[in-house]
PDB file of N, CA and C in Angstrom:
ATOM      1  N   MET A   1       9.399 -11.846  12.305  1.00  0.00           N
ATOM      2  CA  MET A   1       9.904 -13.034  11.657  1.00  0.00           C
ATOM      3  C   MET A   1      11.212 -12.684  10.948  1.00  0.00           C
ATOM      4  N   ILE A   2      12.212 -13.469  11.146  1.00  0.00           N
ATOM      5  CA  ILE A   2      13.516 -13.246  10.518  1.00  0.00           C
ATOM      6  C   ILE A   2      13.567 -14.069   9.233  1.00  0.00           C
ATOM      7  N   VAL A   3      13.931 -13.390   8.158  1.00  0.00           N
ATOM      8  CA  VAL A   3      14.016 -14.049   6.855  1.00  0.00           C
ATOM      9  C   VAL A   3      15.464 -14.016   6.406  1.00  0.00           C
ATOM     10  N   ASN A   4      15.946 -15.155   5.992  1.00  0.00           N
ATOM     11  CA  ASN A   4      17.301 -15.231   5.470  1.00  0.00           C
ATOM     12  C   ASN A   4      17.377 -14.470   4.151  1.00  0.00           C
ATOM     13  N   SER A   5      18.369 -13.639   3.984  1.00  0.00           N
ATOM     14  CA  SER A   5      18.453 -12.812   2.779  1.00  0.00           C
ATOM     15  C   SER A   5      18.669 -13.643   1.519  1.00  0.00           C
ATOM     16  N   THR A   6      19.179 -14.854   1.657  1.00  0.00           N
ATOM     17  CA  THR A   6      19.380 -15.683   0.474  1.00  0.00           C
ATOM     18  C   THR A   6      18.071 -16.286  -0.020  1.00  0.00           C
ATOM     19  N   GLU A   7      17.023 -16.266   0.800  1.00  0.00           N
ATOM     20  CA  GLU A   7      15.744 -16.850   0.398  1.00  0.00           C
ATOM     21  C   GLU A   7      14.793 -15.827  -0.201  1.00  0.00           C
ATOM     22  N   ARG A   8      15.147 -14.567  -0.170  1.00  0.00           N
ATOM     23  CA  ARG A   8      14.268 -13.540  -0.713  1.00  0.00           C
ATOM     24  C   ARG A   8      14.263 -13.595  -2.231  1.00  0.00           C
ATOM     25  N   ASN A   9      13.106 -13.291  -2.779  1.00  0.00           N
ATOM     26  CA  ASN A   9      12.986 -13.222  -4.229  1.00  0.00           C
ATOM     27  C   ASN A   9      13.360 -11.820  -4.690  1.00  0.00           C
ATOM     28  N   THR A  10      14.130 -11.749  -5.731  1.00  0.00           N
ATOM     29  CA  THR A  10      14.556 -10.462  -6.257  1.00  0.00           C
ATOM     30  C   THR A  10      13.734 -10.115  -7.491  1.00  0.00           C
ATOM     31  N   PRO A  11      13.699  -8.846  -7.871  1.00  0.00           N
ATOM     32  CA  PRO A  11      13.016  -8.487  -9.125  1.00  0.00           C
ATOM     33  C   PRO A  11      13.608  -9.209 -10.327  1.00  0.00           C
ATOM     34  N   HIS A  12      14.896  -9.544 -10.263  1.00  0.00           N
ATOM     35  CA  HIS A  12      15.508 -10.285 -11.373  1.00  0.00           C
ATOM     36  C   HIS A  12      14.819 -11.629 -11.570  1.00  0.00           C
ATOM     37  N   ASP A  13      14.475 -12.325 -10.486  1.00  0.00           N
ATOM     38  CA  ASP A  13      13.766 -13.596 -10.594  1.00  0.00           C
ATOM     39  C   ASP A  13      12.400 -13.398 -11.232  1.00  0.00           C
ATOM     40  N   ALA A  14      11.717 -12.334 -10.845  1.00  0.00           N
ATOM     41  CA  ALA A  14      10.387 -12.084 -11.395  1.00  0.00           C
ATOM     42  C   ALA A  14      10.456 -11.765 -12.880  1.00  0.00           C
ATOM     43  N   PHE A  15      11.463 -11.004 -13.296  1.00  0.00           N
ATOM     44  CA  PHE A  15      11.595 -10.710 -14.717  1.00  0.00           C
ATOM     45  C   PHE A  15      11.917 -11.961 -15.511  1.00  0.00           C
ATOM     46  N   ARG A  16      12.576 -12.915 -14.898  1.00  0.00           N
ATOM     47  CA  ARG A  16      12.830 -14.183 -15.576  1.00  0.00           C
ATOM     48  C   ARG A  16      11.517 -14.904 -15.881  1.00  0.00           C
ATOM     49  N   PHE A  17      10.562 -14.859 -14.940  1.00  0.00           N
ATOM     50  CA  PHE A  17       9.250 -15.444 -15.190  1.00  0.00           C
ATOM     51  C   PHE A  17       8.523 -14.701 -16.308  1.00  0.00           C
ATOM     52  N   LEU A  18       8.665 -13.385 -16.354  1.00  0.00           N
ATOM     53  CA  LEU A  18       8.034 -12.613 -17.418  1.00  0.00           C
ATOM     54  C   LEU A  18       8.629 -12.993 -18.768  1.00  0.00           C
ATOM     55  N   GLU A  19       9.938 -13.193 -18.826  1.00  0.00           N
ATOM     56  CA  GLU A  19      10.574 -13.619 -20.068  1.00  0.00           C
ATOM     57  C   GLU A  19      10.063 -14.982 -20.500  1.00  0.00           C
ATOM     58  N   ILE A  20       9.868 -15.879 -19.552  1.00  0.00           N
ATOM     59  CA  ILE A  20       9.358 -17.209 -19.881  1.00  0.00           C
ATOM     60  C   ILE A  20       7.966 -17.108 -20.493  1.00  0.00           C
ATOM     61  N   SER A  21       7.123 -16.224 -19.955  1.00  0.00           N
ATOM     62  CA  SER A  21       5.776 -16.102 -20.495  1.00  0.00           C
ATOM     63  C   SER A  21       5.797 -15.528 -21.907  1.00  0.00           C
ATOM     64  N   ILE A  22       6.729 -14.603 -22.192  1.00  0.00           N
ATOM     65  CA  ILE A  22       6.825 -14.060 -23.549  1.00  0.00           C
ATOM     66  C   ILE A  22       7.323 -15.131 -24.514  1.00  0.00           C
ATOM     67  N   PHE A  23       8.278 -15.948 -24.094  1.00  0.00           N
ATOM     68  CA  PHE A  23       8.729 -17.042 -24.954  1.00  0.00           C
ATOM     69  C   PHE A  23       7.601 -18.050 -25.176  1.00  0.00           C
ATOM     70  N   GLY A  24       6.768 -18.256 -24.161  1.00  0.00           N
ATOM     71  CA  GLY A  24       5.607 -19.127 -24.327  1.00  0.00           C
ATOM     72  C   GLY A  24       4.656 -18.591 -25.375  1.00  0.00           C
ATOM     73  N   TYR A  25       4.476 -17.279 -25.402  1.00  0.00           N
ATOM     74  CA  TYR A  25       3.628 -16.668 -26.423  1.00  0.00           C
ATOM     75  C   TYR A  25       4.216 -16.905 -27.809  1.00  0.00           C
ATOM     76  N   LEU A  26       5.526 -16.689 -27.956  1.00  0.00           N
ATOM     77  CA  LEU A  26       6.149 -16.876 -29.261  1.00  0.00           C
ATOM     78  C   LEU A  26       6.052 -18.321 -29.717  1.00  0.00           C
ATOM     79  N   PHE A  27       6.156 -19.265 -28.775  1.00  0.00           N
ATOM     80  CA  PHE A  27       6.026 -20.677 -29.123  1.00  0.00           C
ATOM     81  C   PHE A  27       4.600 -20.998 -29.559  1.00  0.00           C
ATOM     82  N   SER A  28       3.615 -20.421 -28.872  1.00  0.00           N
ATOM     83  CA  SER A  28       2.224 -20.726 -29.191  1.00  0.00           C
ATOM     84  C   SER A  28       1.776 -20.075 -30.484  1.00  0.00           C
ATOM     85  N   PHE A  29       2.543 -19.125 -30.991  1.00  0.00           N
ATOM     86  CA  PHE A  29       2.178 -18.454 -32.244  1.00  0.00           C
ATOM     87  C   PHE A  29       2.018 -19.467 -33.369  1.00  0.00           C
ATOM     88  N   ASN A  30       2.840 -20.495 -33.375  1.00  0.00           N
ATOM     89  CA  ASN A  30       2.786 -21.505 -34.424  1.00  0.00           C
ATOM     90  C   ASN A  30       1.712 -22.555 -34.164  1.00  0.00           C
ATOM     91  N   LEU A  31       1.113 -22.566 -32.986  1.00  0.00           N
ATOM     92  CA  LEU A  31       0.185 -23.631 -32.627  1.00  0.00           C
ATOM     93  C   LEU A  31      -1.275 -23.205 -32.614  1.00  0.00           C
ATOM     94  N   THR A  32      -1.536 -21.910 -32.812  1.00  0.00           N
ATOM     95  CA  THR A  32      -2.910 -21.426 -32.672  1.00  0.00           C
ATOM     96  C   THR A  32      -3.362 -20.725 -33.936  1.00  0.00           C
ATOM     97  N   LYS A  33      -4.654 -20.443 -33.985  1.00  0.00           N
ATOM     98  CA  LYS A  33      -5.209 -19.695 -35.112  1.00  0.00           C
ATOM     99  C   LYS A  33      -4.862 -18.222 -34.955  1.00  0.00           C
ATOM    100  N   LEU A  34      -4.868 -17.514 -36.062  1.00  0.00           N
ATOM    101  CA  LEU A  34      -4.489 -16.112 -36.063  1.00  0.00           C
ATOM    102  C   LEU A  34      -5.455 -15.252 -35.251  1.00  0.00           C
ATOM    103  N   GLU A  35      -6.748 -15.606 -35.225  1.00  0.00           N
ATOM    104  CA  GLU A  35      -7.728 -14.781 -34.531  1.00  0.00           C
ATOM    105  C   GLU A  35      -7.477 -14.721 -33.032  1.00  0.00           C
ATOM    106  N   SER A  36      -6.925 -15.771 -32.447  1.00  0.00           N
ATOM    107  CA  SER A  36      -6.768 -15.792 -30.997  1.00  0.00           C
ATOM    108  C   SER A  36      -5.367 -15.390 -30.538  1.00  0.00           C
ATOM    109  N   ILE A  37      -4.536 -14.919 -31.454  1.00  0.00           N
ATOM    110  CA  ILE A  37      -3.174 -14.530 -31.085  1.00  0.00           C
ATOM    111  C   ILE A  37      -3.184 -13.356 -30.113  1.00  0.00           C
ATOM    112  N   GLU A  38      -4.059 -12.380 -30.358  1.00  0.00           N
ATOM    113  CA  GLU A  38      -4.101 -11.218 -29.464  1.00  0.00           C
ATOM    114  C   GLU A  38      -4.518 -11.639 -28.063  1.00  0.00           C
ATOM    115  N   ASN A  39      -5.499 -12.532 -27.975  1.00  0.00           N
ATOM    116  CA  ASN A  39      -5.937 -13.004 -26.658  1.00  0.00           C
ATOM    117  C   ASN A  39      -4.845 -13.783 -25.957  1.00  0.00           C
ATOM    118  N   LEU A  40      -4.114 -14.596 -26.696  1.00  0.00           N
ATOM    119  CA  LEU A  40      -3.031 -15.355 -26.082  1.00  0.00           C
ATOM    120  C   LEU A  40      -1.903 -14.446 -25.627  1.00  0.00           C
ATOM    121  N   PHE A  41      -1.635 -13.407 -26.404  1.00  0.00           N
ATOM    122  CA  PHE A  41      -0.590 -12.465 -26.005  1.00  0.00           C
ATOM    123  C   PHE A  41      -0.952 -11.799 -24.680  1.00  0.00           C
ATOM    124  N   ILE A  42      -2.200 -11.349 -24.564  1.00  0.00           N
ATOM    125  CA  ILE A  42      -2.654 -10.736 -23.315  1.00  0.00           C
ATOM    126  C   ILE A  42      -2.602 -11.753 -22.182  1.00  0.00           C
ATOM    127  N   LEU A  43      -2.991 -12.985 -22.468  1.00  0.00           N
ATOM    128  CA  LEU A  43      -2.991 -14.027 -21.438  1.00  0.00           C
ATOM    129  C   LEU A  43      -1.582 -14.301 -20.929  1.00  0.00           C
ATOM    130  N   TYR A  44      -0.617 -14.448 -21.830  1.00  0.00           N
ATOM    131  CA  TYR A  44       0.756 -14.729 -21.394  1.00  0.00           C
ATOM    132  C   TYR A  44       1.371 -13.552 -20.654  1.00  0.00           C
ATOM    133  N   LEU A  45       1.082 -12.330 -21.102  1.00  0.00           N
ATOM    134  CA  LEU A  45       1.596 -11.177 -20.363  1.00  0.00           C
ATOM    135  C   LEU A  45       0.965 -11.089 -18.977  1.00  0.00           C
ATOM    136  N   THR A  46      -0.315 -11.449 -18.883  1.00  0.00           N
ATOM    137  CA  THR A  46      -0.978 -11.422 -17.583  1.00  0.00           C
ATOM    138  C   THR A  46      -0.401 -12.481 -16.659  1.00  0.00           C
ATOM    139  N   ILE A  47      -0.136 -13.670 -17.200  1.00  0.00           N
ATOM    140  CA  ILE A  47       0.480 -14.722 -16.381  1.00  0.00           C
ATOM    141  C   ILE A  47       1.872 -14.284 -15.928  1.00  0.00           C
ATOM    142  N   GLY A  48       2.630 -13.698 -16.831  1.00  0.00           N
ATOM    143  CA  GLY A  48       3.971 -13.235 -16.465  1.00  0.00           C
ATOM    144  C   GLY A  48       3.940 -12.152 -15.403  1.00  0.00           C
ATOM    145  N   SER A  49       3.017 -11.210 -15.549  1.00  0.00           N
ATOM    146  CA  SER A  49       2.945 -10.150 -14.540  1.00  0.00           C
ATOM    147  C   SER A  49       2.410 -10.682 -13.220  1.00  0.00           C
ATOM    148  N   THR A  50       1.532 -11.695 -13.268  1.00  0.00           N
ATOM    149  CA  THR A  50       1.046 -12.299 -12.028  1.00  0.00           C
ATOM    150  C   THR A  50       2.201 -12.942 -11.264  1.00  0.00           C
ATOM    151  N   LEU A  51       3.045 -13.668 -11.980  1.00  0.00           N
ATOM    152  CA  LEU A  51       4.215 -14.263 -11.333  1.00  0.00           C
ATOM    153  C   LEU A  51       5.162 -13.191 -10.818  1.00  0.00           C
ATOM    154  N   PHE A  52       5.273 -12.099 -11.566  1.00  0.00           N
ATOM    155  CA  PHE A  52       6.119 -10.989 -11.118  1.00  0.00           C
ATOM    156  C   PHE A  52       5.611 -10.424  -9.798  1.00  0.00           C
ATOM    157  N   PHE A  53       4.303 -10.155  -9.721  1.00  0.00           N
ATOM    158  CA  PHE A  53       3.750  -9.591  -8.495  1.00  0.00           C
ATOM    159  C   PHE A  53       3.827 -10.591  -7.347  1.00  0.00           C
ATOM    160  N   TYR A  54       3.615 -11.864  -7.649  1.00  0.00           N
ATOM    161  CA  TYR A  54       3.693 -12.874  -6.599  1.00  0.00           C
ATOM    162  C   TYR A  54       5.109 -12.990  -6.058  1.00  0.00           C
ATOM    163  N   LYS A  55       6.088 -13.014  -6.953  1.00  0.00           N
ATOM    164  CA  LYS A  55       7.475 -13.179  -6.522  1.00  0.00           C
ATOM    165  C   LYS A  55       7.993 -11.963  -5.771  1.00  0.00           C
ATOM    166  N   THR A  56       7.461 -10.773  -6.077  1.00  0.00           N
ATOM    167  CA  THR A  56       7.924  -9.570  -5.396  1.00  0.00           C
ATOM    168  C   THR A  56       7.079  -9.241  -4.174  1.00  0.00           C
ATOM    169  N   GLY A  57       6.078 -10.056  -3.875  1.00  0.00           N
ATOM    170  CA  GLY A  57       5.320  -9.888  -2.648  1.00  0.00           C
ATOM    171  C   GLY A  57       4.048  -9.077  -2.766  1.00  0.00           C
ATOM    172  N   LEU A  58       3.658  -8.685  -3.960  1.00  0.00           N
ATOM    173  CA  LEU A  58       2.426  -7.924  -4.132  1.00  0.00           C
ATOM    174  C   LEU A  58       1.274  -8.893  -4.400  1.00  0.00           C
ATOM    175  N   LEU A  59       0.797  -9.534  -3.345  1.00  0.00           N
ATOM    176  CA  LEU A  59      -0.164 -10.618  -3.496  1.00  0.00           C
ATOM    177  C   LEU A  59      -1.539 -10.128  -3.939  1.00  0.00           C
ATOM    178  N   LEU A  60      -1.950  -8.927  -3.528  1.00  0.00           N
ATOM    179  CA  LEU A  60      -3.257  -8.420  -3.938  1.00  0.00           C
ATOM    180  C   LEU A  60      -3.312  -8.233  -5.451  1.00  0.00           C
ATOM    181  N   GLN A  61      -2.260  -7.658  -6.020  1.00  0.00           N
ATOM    182  CA  GLN A  61      -2.227  -7.480  -7.463  1.00  0.00           C
ATOM    183  C   GLN A  61      -2.172  -8.828  -8.177  1.00  0.00           C
ATOM    184  N   ALA A  62      -1.484  -9.802  -7.603  1.00  0.00           N
ATOM    185  CA  ALA A  62      -1.433 -11.136  -8.198  1.00  0.00           C
ATOM    186  C   ALA A  62      -2.821 -11.757  -8.227  1.00  0.00           C
ATOM    187  N   LYS A  63      -3.612 -11.571  -7.145  1.00  0.00           N
ATOM    188  CA  LYS A  63      -4.975 -12.111  -7.120  1.00  0.00           C
ATOM    189  C   LYS A  63      -5.851 -11.437  -8.164  1.00  0.00           C
ATOM    190  N   LEU A  64      -5.691 -10.140  -8.368  1.00  0.00           N
ATOM    191  CA  LEU A  64      -6.454  -9.446  -9.404  1.00  0.00           C
ATOM    192  C   LEU A  64      -6.088  -9.963 -10.786  1.00  0.00           C
ATOM    193  N   ASN A  65      -4.819 -10.257 -11.007  1.00  0.00           N
ATOM    194  CA  ASN A  65      -4.401 -10.789 -12.297  1.00  0.00           C
ATOM    195  C   ASN A  65      -4.937 -12.197 -12.524  1.00  0.00           C
ATOM    196  N   ILE A  66      -5.081 -12.976 -11.479  1.00  0.00           N
ATOM    197  CA  ILE A  66      -5.636 -14.324 -11.630  1.00  0.00           C
ATOM    198  C   ILE A  66      -7.080 -14.244 -12.118  1.00  0.00           C
ATOM    199  N   SER A  67      -7.843 -13.285 -11.608  1.00  0.00           N
ATOM    200  CA  SER A  67      -9.215 -13.133 -12.103  1.00  0.00           C
ATOM    201  C   SER A  67      -9.213 -12.686 -13.559  1.00  0.00           C
ATOM    202  N   THR A  68      -8.225 -11.880 -13.966  1.00  0.00           N
ATOM    203  CA  THR A  68      -8.109 -11.480 -15.367  1.00  0.00           C
ATOM    204  C   THR A  68      -7.790 -12.681 -16.243  1.00  0.00           C
ATOM    205  N   ILE A  69      -6.958 -13.595 -15.746  1.00  0.00           N
ATOM    206  CA  ILE A  69      -6.625 -14.804 -16.500  1.00  0.00           C
ATOM    207  C   ILE A  69      -7.874 -15.651 -16.726  1.00  0.00           C
ATOM    208  N   ILE A  70      -8.716 -15.761 -15.706  1.00  0.00           N
ATOM    209  CA  ILE A  70      -9.943 -16.551 -15.845  1.00  0.00           C
ATOM    210  C   ILE A  70     -10.852 -15.942 -16.904  1.00  0.00           C
ATOM    211  N   ILE A  71     -10.982 -14.626 -16.904  1.00  0.00           N
ATOM    212  CA  ILE A  71     -11.809 -13.951 -17.909  1.00  0.00           C
ATOM    213  C   ILE A  71     -11.215 -14.137 -19.301  1.00  0.00           C
ATOM    214  N   ALA A  72      -9.898 -14.031 -19.420  1.00  0.00           N
ATOM    215  CA  ALA A  72      -9.249 -14.153 -20.730  1.00  0.00           C
ATOM    216  C   ALA A  72      -9.383 -15.556 -21.291  1.00  0.00           C
ATOM    217  N   THR A  73      -9.276 -16.573 -20.461  1.00  0.00           N
ATOM    218  CA  THR A  73      -9.384 -17.938 -20.977  1.00  0.00           C
ATOM    219  C   THR A  73     -10.812 -18.250 -21.410  1.00  0.00           C
ATOM    220  N   ASN A  74     -11.788 -17.604 -20.836  1.00  0.00           N
ATOM    221  CA  ASN A  74     -13.169 -17.811 -21.277  1.00  0.00           C
ATOM    222  C   ASN A  74     -13.448 -17.154 -22.614  1.00  0.00           C
ATOM    223  N   SER A  75     -12.657 -16.146 -22.990  1.00  0.00           N
ATOM    224  CA  SER A  75     -12.907 -15.446 -24.248  1.00  0.00           C
ATOM    225  C   SER A  75     -12.156 -16.055 -25.421  1.00  0.00           C
ATOM    226  N   ILE A  76     -11.255 -16.997 -25.176  1.00  0.00           N
ATOM    227  CA  ILE A  76     -10.482 -17.614 -26.273  1.00  0.00           C
ATOM    228  C   ILE A  76     -11.338 -18.643 -26.984  1.00  0.00           C
TER     229      ILE A  76
END
């Protein structure tokens, strides 16, 4: 299969998603209770890394992170 080089995702794009998830954590700091801040931090980092792995083509690791997200949301 031939892929156009302009359509490929770069690591720079994936890091942009990771930055968005960290900003989401900082925004949620003002909206949540103090006890769940650690869980939310882990959740946002996991979402960011899942998008990173998905955008860079590591789909197996992205699927493992999705299961981690499900476990983390049940513990909040």
